[in-house]
């Protein structure tokens, strides 16, 4: 590819009777800086267009020691939340003339380690990492290397790397408080992957909201081990057998909520008449379910945009305004919660 571009430069130069360096300067937008006449500039550009000239990105990368590429590590690309962040990152990067190399780590620390090594070997200019989150020791070296990196979603506080995440504790606290204010006391928590920061913070929000209103949290009502529909489905069936007095479910992801909806339908339990449902992480399809599901929005599109901005700041050597950015969540009330105590709500 580099050879083809070099031949084209020579062809343009020979046709116009100028040097290849003149052609190169014109095509790189340096005519005025190098005092190349408007007539020559116009002739070079017209000839290049006629010959369908395409510059070699590889040659340019070698010359500038930049690949104009970011590596993006996603725990599960089939999860709509992560997919939206990936799309947001790709869009923001493309607007700044960067490309994305995507790695799906499949919620595996081993796959994440291998992906970091692979993308580093590909000489990407920087990494945007949504970590698996159970351990960040393998990412610690990135803080001391030349390769710029930004952490997204699953905060690893021990790492000296820029991070952007959402207020998982605050969002959970508000959601469970909403259920409590509507008379619910037996509120189950359908959790995701244990030992990850978002999961820990959301479970803590559930617990603190209960304690703050004088309700003792029942640890038996915290179930689940993955952020997927199967976990939500299986754990909801178990819950309905073990704790039939539960009046509300708080699902820590939209996929968990989707599995819960299936389990409730199989058992003939209606939402919200028989059991209420609130979930974390809004998606467009939640508004079109029957009934529409009350949820917590994480601003995942904005999260991806900020990640690109932080990475570009690091590459430019600019001082970071905030080392750790915590985005507020937004509670969206729909029709999946029944009020058990109307007098309390009025008060």
Protein backbone atom coordinates (compact mmCIF):
# COMPACT_ATOMS: atom_id res chain seq x y z
CA UNK A 1 0.00 0.00 0.00
CA UNK A 2 2.85 2.39 0.85
CA UNK A 3 4.53 1.58 -2.48
CA UNK A 4 1.37 2.35 -4.42
CA UNK A 5 1.08 5.82 -2.81
CA UNK A 6 4.76 6.57 -3.50
CA UNK A 7 4.34 5.63 -7.17
CA UNK A 8 1.30 7.90 -7.41
CA UNK A 9 3.26 10.81 -5.92
CA UNK A 10 5.95 10.31 -8.56
CA UNK A 11 3.34 10.07 -11.31
CA UNK A 12 1.78 13.37 -10.27
CA UNK A 13 5.20 15.00 -10.01
CA UNK A 14 6.29 13.76 -13.44
CA UNK A 15 3.07 14.89 -15.12
CA UNK A 16 3.44 18.39 -13.70
CA UNK A 17 7.21 18.69 -13.83
CA UNK A 18 7.56 19.34 -10.09
CA UNK A 19 9.28 17.45 -7.26
CA UNK A 20 7.62 14.70 -5.21
CA UNK A 21 8.23 16.79 -2.08
CA UNK A 22 6.17 19.62 -3.61
CA UNK A 23 3.34 17.19 -4.34
CA UNK A 24 3.55 15.81 -0.80
CA UNK A 25 3.44 19.28 0.77
CA UNK A 26 0.42 20.29 -1.26
CA UNK A 27 -1.48 17.11 -0.40
CA UNK A 28 -0.67 17.62 3.30
CA UNK A 29 -2.09 21.15 3.22
CA UNK A 30 1.25 22.94 3.53
CA UNK A 31 1.16 25.02 0.31
CA UNK A 32 1.03 28.39 2.03
CA UNK A 33 3.55 27.38 4.70
CA UNK A 34 6.02 26.22 2.01
CA UNK A 35 5.23 29.13 -0.34
CA UNK A 36 3.88 26.99 -3.17
CA UNK A 37 1.99 29.03 -5.73
CA UNK A 38 -1.82 28.78 -6.01
CA UNK A 39 -1.46 27.62 -9.63
CA UNK A 40 0.80 24.71 -8.67
CA UNK A 41 -1.40 23.84 -5.71
CA UNK A 42 -4.51 23.72 -7.90
CA UNK A 43 -2.73 21.63 -10.55
CA UNK A 44 -1.52 19.09 -7.97
CA UNK A 45 -4.96 18.74 -6.37
CA UNK A 46 -6.73 18.34 -9.72
CA UNK A 47 -4.22 15.75 -10.95
CA UNK A 48 -4.41 13.82 -7.67
CA UNK A 49 -8.20 13.70 -7.92
CA UNK A 50 -8.08 12.61 -11.56
CA UNK A 51 -5.66 9.76 -10.69
CA UNK A 52 -7.80 8.73 -7.70
CA UNK A 53 -4.89 9.29 -5.31
CA UNK A 54 -5.24 7.68 -1.86
CA UNK A 55 -2.61 8.47 0.79
CA UNK A 56 -0.98 5.63 2.68
CA UNK A 57 -2.14 5.71 6.30
CA UNK A 58 0.57 3.20 7.19
CA UNK A 59 3.31 5.46 5.84
CA UNK A 60 1.82 8.45 7.62
CA UNK A 61 1.64 6.49 10.89
CA UNK A 62 5.27 5.48 10.63
CA UNK A 63 6.29 9.05 9.92
CA UNK A 64 4.29 10.59 12.77
CA UNK A 65 4.72 7.61 15.13
CA UNK A 66 0.94 7.59 15.59
CA UNK A 67 -1.62 5.09 14.34
CA UNK A 68 -4.71 7.29 14.87
CA UNK A 69 -6.25 4.24 16.52
CA UNK A 70 -7.69 3.57 19.98
CA UNK A 71 -8.17 0.16 21.56
CA UNK A 72 -11.56 -0.42 23.21
CA UNK A 73 -12.09 -3.30 25.67
CA UNK A 74 -15.72 -4.26 26.37
CA UNK A 75 -16.77 -6.94 28.92
CA UNK A 76 -19.75 -8.15 26.85
CA UNK A 77 -20.64 -6.62 23.49
CA UNK A 78 -24.01 -8.45 23.47
CA UNK A 79 -25.07 -6.38 26.50
CA UNK A 80 -26.99 -3.31 25.18
CA UNK A 81 -25.42 -1.07 27.83
CA UNK A 82 -21.88 -1.87 26.71
CA UNK A 83 -22.89 -1.78 23.04
CA UNK A 84 -24.19 1.77 23.43
CA UNK A 85 -20.97 2.88 25.11
CA UNK A 86 -18.95 1.25 22.30
CA UNK A 87 -20.99 3.08 19.67
CA UNK A 88 -20.60 6.38 21.54
CA UNK A 89 -16.81 5.90 21.76
CA UNK A 90 -16.57 5.03 18.06
CA UNK A 91 -18.61 8.07 17.04
CA UNK A 92 -16.62 10.47 19.22
CA UNK A 93 -13.32 9.00 18.02
CA UNK A 94 -14.32 9.14 14.34
CA UNK A 95 -15.21 12.83 14.69
CA UNK A 96 -11.59 13.36 15.72
CA UNK A 97 -10.15 11.20 12.89
CA UNK A 98 -9.44 8.16 15.08
CA UNK A 99 -10.41 4.55 14.41
CA UNK A 100 -11.35 1.90 16.98
CA UNK A 101 -10.04 -1.65 17.48
CA UNK A 102 -12.63 -3.48 19.59
CA UNK A 103 -11.97 -6.43 21.93
CA UNK A 104 -14.80 -8.32 23.67
CA UNK A 105 -13.32 -9.73 26.89
CA UNK A 106 -16.42 -11.82 27.72
CA UNK A 107 -16.30 -10.96 31.44
CA UNK A 108 -12.96 -12.80 31.69
CA UNK A 109 -9.88 -11.36 33.40
CA UNK A 110 -7.65 -13.68 31.37
CA UNK A 111 -9.20 -12.45 28.10
CA UNK A 112 -8.77 -8.86 29.29
CA UNK A 113 -5.06 -9.41 29.98
CA UNK A 114 -4.59 -10.94 26.52
CA UNK A 115 -6.52 -8.10 24.85
CA UNK A 116 -4.42 -5.40 26.53
CA UNK A 117 -1.26 -7.15 25.34
CA UNK A 118 -2.60 -7.60 21.79
CA UNK A 119 -3.75 -4.00 21.39
CA UNK A 120 -0.49 -2.71 22.83
CA UNK A 121 1.42 -4.81 20.28
CA UNK A 122 -0.75 -3.27 17.55
CA UNK A 123 0.67 0.09 18.70
CA UNK A 124 -2.67 1.78 19.35
CA UNK A 125 -2.32 5.36 20.56
CA UNK A 126 -4.40 4.70 23.68
CA UNK A 127 -6.79 2.33 25.43
CA UNK A 128 -10.34 2.80 26.68
CA UNK A 129 -11.03 -0.04 29.10
CA UNK A 130 -14.33 -1.17 30.58
CA UNK A 131 -12.75 -3.61 33.01
CA UNK A 132 -14.15 -6.96 34.04
CA UNK A 133 -13.75 -5.38 37.44
CA UNK A 134 -12.96 -8.22 39.80
CA UNK A 135 -9.26 -7.29 39.88
CA UNK A 136 -7.25 -4.45 38.40
CA UNK A 137 -3.74 -5.63 39.27
CA UNK A 138 -2.96 -6.51 35.64
CA UNK A 139 -3.82 -2.93 34.60
CA UNK A 140 -1.58 -1.30 37.20
CA UNK A 141 1.43 -1.19 34.86
CA UNK A 142 -0.51 0.99 32.40
CA UNK A 143 -0.29 3.89 34.85
CA UNK A 144 3.51 3.81 34.55
CA UNK A 145 3.79 3.16 30.79
CA UNK A 146 3.74 5.55 27.87
CA UNK A 147 0.51 4.01 26.57
CA UNK A 148 -2.38 6.28 27.59
CA UNK A 149 -5.40 4.56 29.14
CA UNK A 150 -8.80 5.55 30.54
CA UNK A 151 -11.10 3.41 32.70
CA UNK A 152 -14.86 3.48 32.07
CA UNK A 153 -17.92 2.26 34.03
CA UNK A 154 -16.31 -0.12 36.53
CA UNK A 155 -14.14 2.08 38.70
CA UNK A 156 -10.92 0.61 40.10
CA UNK A 157 -9.97 3.14 42.79
CA UNK A 158 -6.50 1.69 43.41
CA UNK A 159 -5.40 2.49 39.84
CA UNK A 160 -3.85 5.89 39.09
CA UNK A 161 -5.70 6.15 35.78
CA UNK A 162 -8.40 8.60 34.65
CA UNK A 163 -11.88 7.16 35.11
CA UNK A 164 -15.47 8.02 34.18
CA UNK A 165 -18.35 6.16 35.77
CA UNK A 166 -21.92 6.71 36.95
CA UNK A 167 -23.25 7.22 40.46
CA UNK A 168 -24.26 3.61 41.06
CA UNK A 169 -24.86 4.09 44.77
CA UNK A 170 -26.97 7.23 44.32
CA UNK A 171 -29.03 5.71 41.52
CA UNK A 172 -29.79 2.57 43.54
CA UNK A 173 -30.56 4.58 46.67
CA UNK A 174 -33.09 6.72 44.78
CA UNK A 175 -34.74 3.74 43.07
CA UNK A 176 -35.20 1.73 46.27
CA UNK A 177 -36.31 4.85 48.13
CA UNK A 178 -39.02 5.27 45.50
CA UNK A 179 -40.28 1.75 46.22
CA UNK A 180 -40.16 2.30 49.97
CA UNK A 181 -42.11 5.55 49.67
CA UNK A 182 -44.85 3.58 47.91
CA UNK A 183 -45.28 1.19 50.80
CA UNK A 184 -42.97 -1.66 49.77
CA UNK A 185 -40.90 -3.30 52.51
CA UNK A 186 -40.03 -6.74 51.13
CA UNK A 187 -37.83 -5.60 48.23
CA UNK A 188 -35.57 -8.18 46.57
CA UNK A 189 -32.28 -7.21 44.94
CA UNK A 190 -31.44 -9.15 41.76
CA UNK A 191 -27.71 -8.48 41.51
CA UNK A 192 -25.15 -8.87 38.72
CA UNK A 193 -21.53 -9.97 38.87
CA UNK A 194 -20.38 -9.98 42.52
CA UNK A 195 -17.12 -8.30 43.53
CA UNK A 196 -17.42 -5.66 40.79
CA UNK A 197 -17.64 -2.02 41.80
CA UNK A 198 -21.00 -1.21 40.12
CA UNK A 199 -22.63 -4.25 41.68
CA UNK A 200 -21.21 -3.55 45.13
CA UNK A 201 -22.31 0.10 45.01
CA UNK A 202 -25.83 -0.73 43.82
CA UNK A 203 -26.30 -3.38 46.49
CA UNK A 204 -25.02 -0.88 49.07
CA UNK A 205 -27.54 1.67 47.76
CA UNK A 206 -30.34 -0.90 48.21
CA UNK A 207 -29.18 -1.63 51.74
CA UNK A 208 -28.71 1.99 52.82
CA UNK A 209 -32.09 3.07 51.42
CA UNK A 210 -33.76 0.36 53.51
CA UNK A 211 -31.84 1.24 56.66
CA UNK A 212 -32.50 4.94 56.13
CA UNK A 213 -36.24 4.30 56.37
CA UNK A 214 -36.06 1.95 59.32
CA UNK A 215 -36.35 -1.30 57.36
CA UNK A 216 -33.91 -4.12 58.13
CA UNK A 217 -32.45 -5.48 54.86
CA UNK A 218 -32.84 -9.22 54.46
CA UNK A 219 -29.58 -10.68 53.00
CA UNK A 220 -31.60 -13.65 51.71
CA UNK A 221 -33.25 -11.25 49.26
CA UNK A 222 -29.98 -10.52 47.41
CA UNK A 223 -29.69 -13.07 44.60
CA UNK A 224 -27.78 -13.44 41.33
CA UNK A 225 -24.27 -13.78 39.92
CA UNK A 226 -24.38 -12.36 36.35
CA UNK A 227 -25.71 -9.38 34.42
CA UNK A 228 -27.75 -11.46 31.96
CA UNK A 229 -31.31 -12.57 31.32
CA UNK A 230 -30.72 -16.18 32.39
CA UNK A 231 -29.54 -15.09 35.84
CA UNK A 232 -32.58 -12.82 36.22
CA UNK A 233 -34.90 -15.60 35.12
CA UNK A 234 -33.44 -18.32 37.35
CA UNK A 235 -33.08 -16.17 40.47
CA UNK A 236 -36.61 -14.79 40.16
CA UNK A 237 -38.04 -18.31 40.03
CA UNK A 238 -36.01 -19.21 43.13
CA UNK A 239 -37.18 -16.05 44.87
CA UNK A 240 -40.85 -16.68 44.17
CA UNK A 241 -40.51 -20.11 45.81
CA UNK A 242 -38.41 -18.99 48.79
CA UNK A 243 -39.98 -15.60 49.53
CA UNK A 244 -43.54 -15.39 48.18
CA UNK A 245 -44.21 -12.30 50.35
CA UNK A 246 -41.83 -10.12 48.27
CA UNK A 247 -43.76 -7.20 46.76
CA UNK A 248 -41.04 -5.57 44.63
CA UNK A 249 -37.93 -6.45 42.63
CA UNK A 250 -34.93 -4.18 42.10
CA UNK A 251 -32.94 -5.58 39.14
CA UNK A 252 -29.39 -4.29 38.81
CA UNK A 253 -29.44 -4.35 34.98
CA UNK A 254 -32.02 -4.26 32.21
CA UNK A 255 -31.12 -7.79 31.08
CA UNK A 256 -31.67 -9.13 34.59
CA UNK A 257 -35.04 -7.34 34.58
CA UNK A 258 -35.93 -8.94 31.25
CA UNK A 259 -35.25 -12.40 32.72
CA UNK A 260 -37.37 -11.51 35.74
CA UNK A 261 -40.28 -10.49 33.49
CA UNK A 262 -40.17 -13.90 31.81
CA UNK A 263 -40.14 -15.73 35.16
CA UNK A 264 -43.04 -13.67 36.51
CA UNK A 265 -45.10 -14.33 33.38
CA UNK A 266 -44.51 -18.08 33.69
CA UNK A 267 -45.75 -18.00 37.29
CA UNK A 268 -48.77 -15.87 36.42
CA UNK A 269 -47.53 -12.88 38.47
CA UNK A 270 -48.59 -9.57 36.95
CA UNK A 271 -46.55 -6.35 36.91
CA UNK A 272 -47.33 -4.19 38.87
CA UNK A 273 -50.60 -5.64 40.26
CA UNK A 274 -48.89 -8.63 41.94
CA UNK A 275 -45.28 -7.49 42.09
CA UNK A 276 -43.49 -4.22 41.24
CA UNK A 277 -40.29 -3.94 39.21
CA UNK A 278 -37.56 -1.29 38.93
CA UNK A 279 -34.28 -1.83 37.08
CA UNK A 280 -30.92 -0.16 36.58
CA UNK A 281 -29.81 1.11 33.14
CA UNK A 282 -32.47 2.48 30.81
CA UNK A 283 -32.84 1.22 27.24
CA UNK A 284 -35.36 2.38 24.60
CA UNK A 285 -37.25 -0.92 24.61
CA UNK A 286 -38.07 -0.63 28.34
CA UNK A 287 -40.52 2.18 27.51
CA UNK A 288 -42.36 -0.11 25.05
CA UNK A 289 -42.91 -3.07 27.38
CA UNK A 290 -46.28 -3.84 28.94
CA UNK A 291 -46.19 -2.14 31.34
CA UNK A 292 -43.33 0.30 30.65
CA UNK A 293 -40.55 -0.34 33.18
CA UNK A 294 -39.44 2.25 35.74
CA UNK A 295 -35.67 2.54 35.55
CA UNK A 296 -32.41 4.35 36.32
CA UNK A 297 -30.61 5.95 33.37
CA UNK A 298 -26.78 6.00 33.46
CA UNK A 299 -25.96 8.48 30.66
CA UNK A 300 -23.94 5.77 28.90
CA UNK A 301 -23.63 7.80 25.67
CA UNK A 302 -22.10 10.71 27.58
CA UNK A 303 -19.82 8.27 29.37
CA UNK A 304 -18.29 7.18 26.07
CA UNK A 305 -17.85 10.75 24.87
CA UNK A 306 -16.05 11.79 28.05
CA UNK A 307 -13.76 8.75 27.83
CA UNK A 308 -12.55 9.87 24.39
CA UNK A 309 -12.04 13.44 25.65
CA UNK A 310 -9.99 12.22 28.61
CA UNK A 311 -7.83 10.04 26.36
CA UNK A 312 -7.18 12.90 23.94
CA UNK A 313 -6.22 15.14 26.88
CA UNK A 314 -3.70 12.56 28.01
CA UNK A 315 -2.24 12.15 24.52
CA UNK A 316 -1.88 15.93 24.18
CA UNK A 317 -0.17 16.18 27.57
CA UNK A 318 -2.90 18.45 28.90
CA UNK A 319 -3.53 18.40 32.65
CA UNK A 320 -6.72 16.54 33.52
CA UNK A 321 -9.39 18.73 35.05
CA UNK A 322 -10.82 15.77 37.00
CA UNK A 323 -8.99 12.51 37.55
CA UNK A 324 -12.24 10.69 38.35
CA UNK A 325 -15.55 11.78 36.84
CA UNK A 326 -18.79 10.61 38.47
CA UNK A 327 -21.86 11.15 36.28
CA UNK A 328 -25.22 11.55 38.04
CA UNK A 329 -27.95 9.07 37.20
CA UNK A 330 -31.51 9.98 36.20
CA UNK A 331 -34.57 8.23 37.64
CA UNK A 332 -37.32 7.56 35.07
CA UNK A 333 -40.77 6.83 36.49
CA UNK A 334 -43.02 4.66 34.33
CA UNK A 335 -45.81 2.20 35.16
CA UNK A 336 -44.19 -0.90 36.69
CA UNK A 337 -44.60 0.06 40.36
CA UNK A 338 -47.79 -0.29 42.39
CA UNK A 339 -48.44 1.97 45.36
CA UNK A 340 -49.28 -0.07 48.48
CA UNK A 341 -49.75 2.88 50.85
CA UNK A 342 -51.31 5.90 49.15
CA UNK A 343 -51.61 7.91 52.36
CA UNK A 344 -47.85 7.65 52.91
CA UNK A 345 -47.17 8.86 49.35
CA UNK A 346 -49.48 11.86 49.83
CA UNK A 347 -47.65 12.76 53.03
